[in-house]
Structure formats: structure tokens, C-alpha cells
C-alpha atoms as a PDB file:
ATOM      1  CA  MET A   1     -15.869   9.922   3.378  1.00  0.00           C
ATOM      2  CA  ILE A   2     -14.678   9.476  -0.224  1.00  0.00           C
ATOM      3  CA  TYR A   3     -11.264   8.449   1.071  1.00  0.00           C
ATOM      4  CA  TYR A   4     -12.737   5.615   3.128  1.00  0.00           C
ATOM      5  CA  LEU A   5     -14.570   4.482  -0.030  1.00  0.00           C
ATOM      6  CA  ILE A   6     -11.223   4.423  -1.886  1.00  0.00           C
ATOM      7  CA  ALA A   7      -9.773   2.268   0.906  1.00  0.00           C
ATOM      8  CA  LEU A   8     -12.849   0.010   0.798  1.00  0.00           C
ATOM      9  CA  PHE A   9     -12.521  -0.391  -2.982  1.00  0.00           C
ATOM     10  CA  ILE A  10      -8.859  -1.387  -2.587  1.00  0.00           C
ATOM     11  CA  ILE A  11      -9.746  -3.909   0.140  1.00  0.00           C
ATOM     12  CA  ALA A  12     -12.533  -5.414  -2.010  1.00  0.00           C
ATOM     13  CA  LEU A  13     -10.339  -5.632  -5.127  1.00  0.00           C
ATOM     14  CA  ASP A  14      -7.481  -7.105  -3.093  1.00  0.00           C
ATOM     15  CA  GLN A  15      -9.665  -9.749  -1.448  1.00  0.00           C
ATOM     16  CA  LEU A  16     -11.457 -10.632  -4.699  1.00  0.00           C
ATOM     17  CA  THR A  17      -8.202 -11.157  -6.597  1.00  0.00           C
ATOM     18  CA  LYS A  18      -6.714 -13.220  -3.755  1.00  0.00           C
ATOM     19  CA  TRP A  19      -9.862 -15.345  -3.580  1.00  0.00           C
ATOM     20  CA  LEU A  20      -9.673 -15.958  -7.357  1.00  0.00           C
ATOM     21  CA  ILE A  21      -6.034 -17.045  -7.056  1.00  0.00           C
ATOM     22  CA  VAL A  22      -6.707 -19.409  -4.129  1.00  0.00           C
ATOM     23  CA  LYS A  23      -9.821 -20.839  -5.826  1.00  0.00           C
ATOM     24  CA  ASN A  24      -8.363 -21.328  -9.315  1.00  0.00           C
ATOM     25  CA  MET A  25      -4.631 -21.948  -8.959  1.00  0.00           C
ATOM     26  CA  GLU A  26      -2.396 -24.393  -7.135  1.00  0.00           C
ATOM     27  CA  GLU A  27       0.292 -22.830  -4.965  1.00  0.00           C
ATOM     28  CA  GLY A  28       3.406 -22.394  -7.111  1.00  0.00           C
ATOM     29  CA  GLU A  29       1.427 -22.479 -10.370  1.00  0.00           C
ATOM     30  CA  SER A  30       2.272 -19.660 -12.772  1.00  0.00           C
ATOM     31  CA  ILE A  31       0.514 -18.159 -15.797  1.00  0.00           C
ATOM     32  CA  THR A  32       2.518 -16.153 -18.326  1.00  0.00           C
ATOM     33  CA  VAL A  33       0.930 -12.790 -19.090  1.00  0.00           C
ATOM     34  CA  ILE A  34       3.925 -11.141 -20.810  1.00  0.00           C
ATOM     35  CA  GLU A  35       6.942 -13.417 -21.358  1.00  0.00           C
ATOM     36  CA  ASN A  36      10.016 -12.382 -19.308  1.00  0.00           C
ATOM     37  CA  LEU A  37       8.091  -9.493 -17.726  1.00  0.00           C
ATOM     38  CA  PHE A  38       4.811 -10.350 -15.985  1.00  0.00           C
ATOM     39  CA  TYR A  39       3.301 -13.549 -14.594  1.00  0.00           C
ATOM     40  CA  ILE A  40       0.412 -14.468 -12.321  1.00  0.00           C
ATOM     41  CA  THR A  41       2.042 -16.820  -9.804  1.00  0.00           C
ATOM     42  CA  SER A  42       0.209 -18.317  -6.822  1.00  0.00           C
ATOM     43  CA  HIS A  43       2.415 -17.733  -3.786  1.00  0.00           C
ATOM     44  CA  ARG A  44       1.961 -17.570   0.003  1.00  0.00           C
ATOM     45  CA  ASN A  45       3.904 -15.444   2.444  1.00  0.00           C
ATOM     46  CA  GLN A  46       3.867 -15.645   6.237  1.00  0.00           C
ATOM     47  CA  GLY A  47       6.178 -12.659   6.580  1.00  0.00           C
ATOM     48  CA  ALA A  48       6.430  -9.102   5.337  1.00  0.00           C
ATOM     49  CA  ALA A  49       7.846  -7.664   2.108  1.00  0.00           C
ATOM     50  CA  TRP A  50      10.532  -9.844   0.544  1.00  0.00           C
ATOM     51  CA  GLY A  51       9.548 -12.609   2.963  1.00  0.00           C
ATOM     52  CA  ILE A  52      11.207 -11.033   6.004  1.00  0.00           C
ATOM     53  CA  LEU A  53      10.005 -11.900   9.530  1.00  0.00           C
ATOM     54  CA  GLN A  54       8.420 -15.191   8.442  1.00  0.00           C
ATOM     55  CA  GLY A  55       5.838 -16.537  10.888  1.00  0.00           C
ATOM     56  CA  LYS A  56       5.784 -13.494  13.206  1.00  0.00           C
ATOM     57  CA  MET A  57       1.974 -13.128  13.005  1.00  0.00           C
ATOM     58  CA  TRP A  58       1.444 -11.506  16.410  1.00  0.00           C
ATOM     59  CA  PHE A  59       4.028  -8.873  15.523  1.00  0.00           C
ATOM     60  CA  PHE A  60       2.121  -8.117  12.296  1.00  0.00           C
ATOM     61  CA  TYR A  61      -1.234  -7.999  14.099  1.00  0.00           C
ATOM     62  CA  ILE A  62       0.055  -5.424  16.605  1.00  0.00           C
ATOM     63  CA  ILE A  63       1.942  -3.305  14.054  1.00  0.00           C
ATOM     64  CA  THR A  64      -0.980  -3.321  11.597  1.00  0.00           C
ATOM     65  CA  ILE A  65      -3.497  -2.264  14.246  1.00  0.00           C
ATOM     66  CA  ILE A  66      -1.184   0.605  15.267  1.00  0.00           C
ATOM     67  CA  VAL A  67      -0.722   1.610  11.599  1.00  0.00           C
ATOM     68  CA  ILE A  68      -4.485   1.513  10.903  1.00  0.00           C
ATOM     69  CA  ILE A  69      -5.223   3.643  13.988  1.00  0.00           C
ATOM     70  CA  GLY A  70      -2.507   6.096  12.943  1.00  0.00           C
ATOM     71  CA  ILE A  71      -3.802   6.379   9.381  1.00  0.00           C
ATOM     72  CA  VAL A  72      -7.404   6.909  10.502  1.00  0.00           C
ATOM     73  CA  TYR A  73      -6.214   9.534  13.023  1.00  0.00           C
ATOM     74  CA  TYR A  74      -4.311  11.422  10.301  1.00  0.00           C
ATOM     75  CA  LEU A  75      -7.246  11.139   7.888  1.00  0.00           C
ATOM     76  CA  GLN A  76      -9.572  12.619  10.515  1.00  0.00           C
ATOM     77  CA  LYS A  77      -7.292  15.261  12.069  1.00  0.00           C
ATOM     78  CA  HIS A  78      -4.624  16.353   9.586  1.00  0.00           C
ATOM     79  CA  ALA A  79      -5.618  15.404   6.028  1.00  0.00           C
ATOM     80  CA  LYS A  80      -9.037  17.071   5.781  1.00  0.00           C
ATOM     81  CA  GLY A  81      -9.129  19.366   2.762  1.00  0.00           C
ATOM     82  CA  ILE A  82      -5.781  18.069   1.476  1.00  0.00           C
ATOM     83  CA  PRO A  83      -6.657  15.664  -1.381  1.00  0.00           C
ATOM     84  CA  LEU A  84      -3.169  14.298  -2.142  1.00  0.00           C
ATOM     85  CA  PHE A  85      -2.453  13.595   1.539  1.00  0.00           C
ATOM     86  CA  SER A  86      -5.898  12.003   1.967  1.00  0.00           C
ATOM     87  CA  VAL A  87      -5.575   9.788  -1.133  1.00  0.00           C
ATOM     88  CA  SER A  88      -2.128   8.605  -0.028  1.00  0.00           C
ATOM     89  CA  LEU A  89      -3.540   7.645   3.376  1.00  0.00           C
ATOM     90  CA  ALA A  90      -6.567   5.948   1.771  1.00  0.00           C
ATOM     91  CA  PHE A  91      -4.289   3.755  -0.367  1.00  0.00           C
ATOM     92  CA  MET A  92      -2.157   2.855   2.646  1.00  0.00           C
ATOM     93  CA  LEU A  93      -5.259   2.121   4.734  1.00  0.00           C
ATOM     94  CA  GLY A  94      -6.745  -0.153   2.061  1.00  0.00           C
ATOM     95  CA  GLY A  95      -3.431  -1.973   1.603  1.00  0.00           C
ATOM     96  CA  ALA A  96      -2.827  -2.428   5.320  1.00  0.00           C
ATOM     97  CA  ILE A  97      -6.331  -3.789   5.918  1.00  0.00           C
ATOM     98  CA  GLY A  98      -6.178  -6.043   2.836  1.00  0.00           C
ATOM     99  CA  ASN A  99      -3.086  -7.876   4.061  1.00  0.00           C
ATOM    100  CA  PHE A 100      -4.353  -7.805   7.669  1.00  0.00           C
ATOM    101  CA  ILE A 101      -7.461  -9.735   6.592  1.00  0.00           C
ATOM    102  CA  ASP A 102      -5.222 -12.416   5.055  1.00  0.00           C
ATOM    103  CA  ARG A 103      -3.051 -12.705   8.154  1.00  0.00           C
ATOM    104  CA  LEU A 104      -6.091 -12.861  10.406  1.00  0.00           C
ATOM    105  CA  PHE A 105      -8.110 -15.447   8.463  1.00  0.00           C
ATOM    106  CA  ARG A 106      -5.555 -17.358   6.373  1.00  0.00           C
ATOM    107  CA  LYS A 107      -2.507 -17.031   8.669  1.00  0.00           C
ATOM    108  CA  GLU A 108      -0.572 -16.078   5.528  1.00  0.00           C
ATOM    109  CA  VAL A 109      -0.726 -13.482   2.758  1.00  0.00           C
ATOM    110  CA  VAL A 110      -1.690 -14.506  -0.769  1.00  0.00           C
ATOM    111  CA  ASP A 111       0.668 -12.991  -3.352  1.00  0.00           C
ATOM    112  CA  PHE A 112       0.364 -13.418  -7.111  1.00  0.00           C
ATOM    113  CA  LEU A 113       1.747 -10.479  -9.116  1.00  0.00           C
ATOM    114  CA  ASN A 114       5.144 -11.647 -10.352  1.00  0.00           C
ATOM    115  CA  THR A 115       7.305  -9.223 -12.336  1.00  0.00           C
ATOM    116  CA  TYR A 116      10.763  -9.274 -13.853  1.00  0.00           C
ATOM    117  CA  ILE A 117      12.245  -5.806 -14.242  1.00  0.00           C
ATOM    118  CA  PHE A 118      15.475  -5.739 -16.304  1.00  0.00           C
ATOM    119  CA  SER A 119      15.830  -9.490 -15.578  1.00  0.00           C
ATOM    120  CA  TYR A 120      15.485  -8.861 -11.796  1.00  0.00           C
ATOM    121  CA  ASP A 121      12.877 -11.216 -10.340  1.00  0.00           C
ATOM    122  CA  PHE A 122      10.973  -8.747  -8.167  1.00  0.00           C
ATOM    123  CA  PRO A 123       9.339 -10.337  -5.071  1.00  0.00           C
ATOM    124  CA  ILE A 124       5.808 -11.571  -5.764  1.00  0.00           C
ATOM    125  CA  PHE A 125       3.207  -9.138  -4.421  1.00  0.00           C
ATOM    126  CA  ASN A 126      -0.549  -8.432  -4.398  1.00  0.00           C
ATOM    127  CA  ILE A 127      -3.028  -5.558  -4.776  1.00  0.00           C
ATOM    128  CA  ALA A 128      -2.683  -4.567  -1.099  1.00  0.00           C
ATOM    129  CA  ASP A 129       1.113  -4.362  -1.449  1.00  0.00           C
ATOM    130  CA  ALA A 130       0.744  -2.270  -4.605  1.00  0.00           C
ATOM    131  CA  ALA A 131      -1.718   0.062  -2.837  1.00  0.00           C
ATOM    132  CA  LEU A 132       0.668   0.466   0.113  1.00  0.00           C
ATOM    133  CA  SER A 133       3.528   1.291  -2.250  1.00  0.00           C
ATOM    134  CA  ILE A 134       1.437   3.768  -4.253  1.00  0.00           C
ATOM    135  CA  GLY A 135       0.255   5.364  -1.008  1.00  0.00           C
ATOM    136  CA  VAL A 136       3.836   5.796   0.225  1.00  0.00           C
ATOM    137  CA  VAL A 137       4.942   7.326  -3.113  1.00  0.00           C
ATOM    138  CA  LEU A 138       1.985   9.751  -3.031  1.00  0.00           C
ATOM    139  CA  LEU A 139       2.824  10.651   0.575  1.00  0.00           C
ATOM    140  CA  ILE A 140       6.441  11.389  -0.396  1.00  0.00           C
ATOM    141  CA  ILE A 141       5.244  13.585  -3.273  1.00  0.00           C
ATOM    142  CA  TYR A 142       2.916  15.438  -0.877  1.00  0.00           C
ATOM    143  CA  MET A 143       5.730  15.919   1.657  1.00  0.00           C
ATOM    144  CA  ILE A 144       8.103  17.267  -1.016  1.00  0.00           C
ATOM    145  CA  GLN A 145       5.415  19.698  -2.227  1.00  0.00           C
ATOM    146  CA  GLU A 146       4.799  20.886   1.333  1.00  0.00           C
ATOM    147  CA  GLU A 147       8.511  21.364   1.993  1.00  0.00           C
ATOM    148  CA  ARG A 148       8.903  23.404  -1.210  1.00  0.00           C
ATOM    149  CA  LYS A 149       5.873  25.508  -0.302  1.00  0.00           C
ATOM    150  CA  GLU A 150       7.272  26.196   3.189  1.00  0.00           C
ATOM    151  CA  LYS A 151      10.691  27.157   1.767  1.00  0.00           C
ATOM    152  CA  LYS A 152       9.034  29.490  -0.748  1.00  0.00           C
ATOM    153  CA  GLU A 153       6.910  31.106   1.979  1.00  0.00           C
ATOM    154  CA  LYS A 154       9.982  31.534   4.192  1.00  0.00           C
ATOM    155  CA  LEU A 155      11.954  32.988   1.278  1.00  0.00           C
ATOM    156  CA  ASP A 156       9.119  35.374   0.356  1.00  0.00           C
ATOM    157  CA  GLY A 157       8.884  36.466   3.989  1.00  0.00           C
ATOM    158  CA  SER A 158      12.634  37.080   4.386  1.00  0.00           C
ATOM    159  CA  ASN A 159      12.812  39.065   1.144  1.00  0.00           C
ATOM    160  CA  GLY A 160      10.298  41.515   2.448  1.00  0.00           C
ATOM    161  CA  ALA A 161       7.681  40.403  -0.046  1.00  0.00           C
ATOM    162  CA  HIS A 162       4.294  41.699   0.933  1.00  0.00           C
ATOM    163  CA  HIS A 163       1.045  39.901   0.121  1.00  0.00           C
ATOM    164  CA  SER A 164      -2.279  41.621   0.550  1.00  0.00           C
END
């Protein structure tokens, strides 16, 4: 249950920040937070990350519904009692639903976090995108840990190690 609350918190924070941007800024308007590093820039996106697949809303509806069903399935069936796996799925669930709400009701995604990393103008993103990215990184960490644990167990077993 706690993991659904994490997802709900992400959705609420995502939608609140997007609402504030839409309500208080003109599209294209930018506010400097840290010069040459971080800006709040009102931007709209009808595609996916980096603006790919612009205007393919039905594709995003179908894919997002499949992703949400998959995440909920894994949360219910495979992640119980595994906190890192569950948190990663909760972040991905919150992020997926946050952007899905935009696509469903606005027909576009509101982006506003604008960063420059080593003078590279990173694509403008939002809280949902950040949550998705964090969720994927946490999932990769979990998968690496599991792989190491399996290798260690296999190695212990082949060396004749005995555990009581």
C-alpha cells in the first residue's frame, strides 16, 4: 500500500507543478534559477522524451495503459517484500500516470525543468519524467544486486559451501 501512496504523491506533485506553470507562465517564458545551469521554462510536448513521436497520442494512450497494467501486476505479484524493486515500480507508476493525465486532458505534456549540463541543453522535462528516470535507475540497481546475489549463490553452491 505504501508504494501506491508514493506513486500518488508523485502524481500529485507532478500535476500541481504543471498546473502552476500553466497558470503563471506563458509558453516559452523562462525564469533563471541558476545561471547557465537551471531554468524554469514553460514548454509543451506532444511526443515522448526528446520530442520524438510528436502527435502520436493514441500510441501513447495504448502504451501507457499497457505499462501501468504491467507495473501494477509486478507490484502485486513479484515485488512484495522487496523494497527497492517496489519503490522503483512506484516511481515509474507515478511518472507514467502523471504524463498520461496530461496527454488525456491537455493533449500535450507540460514540461518546465530546463537544465544545462556541461553546456549541453538537456531536453526540458517535468516531475513525472524525473520520477520515471529515477524509477528506471533504481530498477537497474535492483537488477544488478539480484544478479550479483545469484552469482554468489551459484559460486557458493559449486564450491561445496554448506549453509545450515
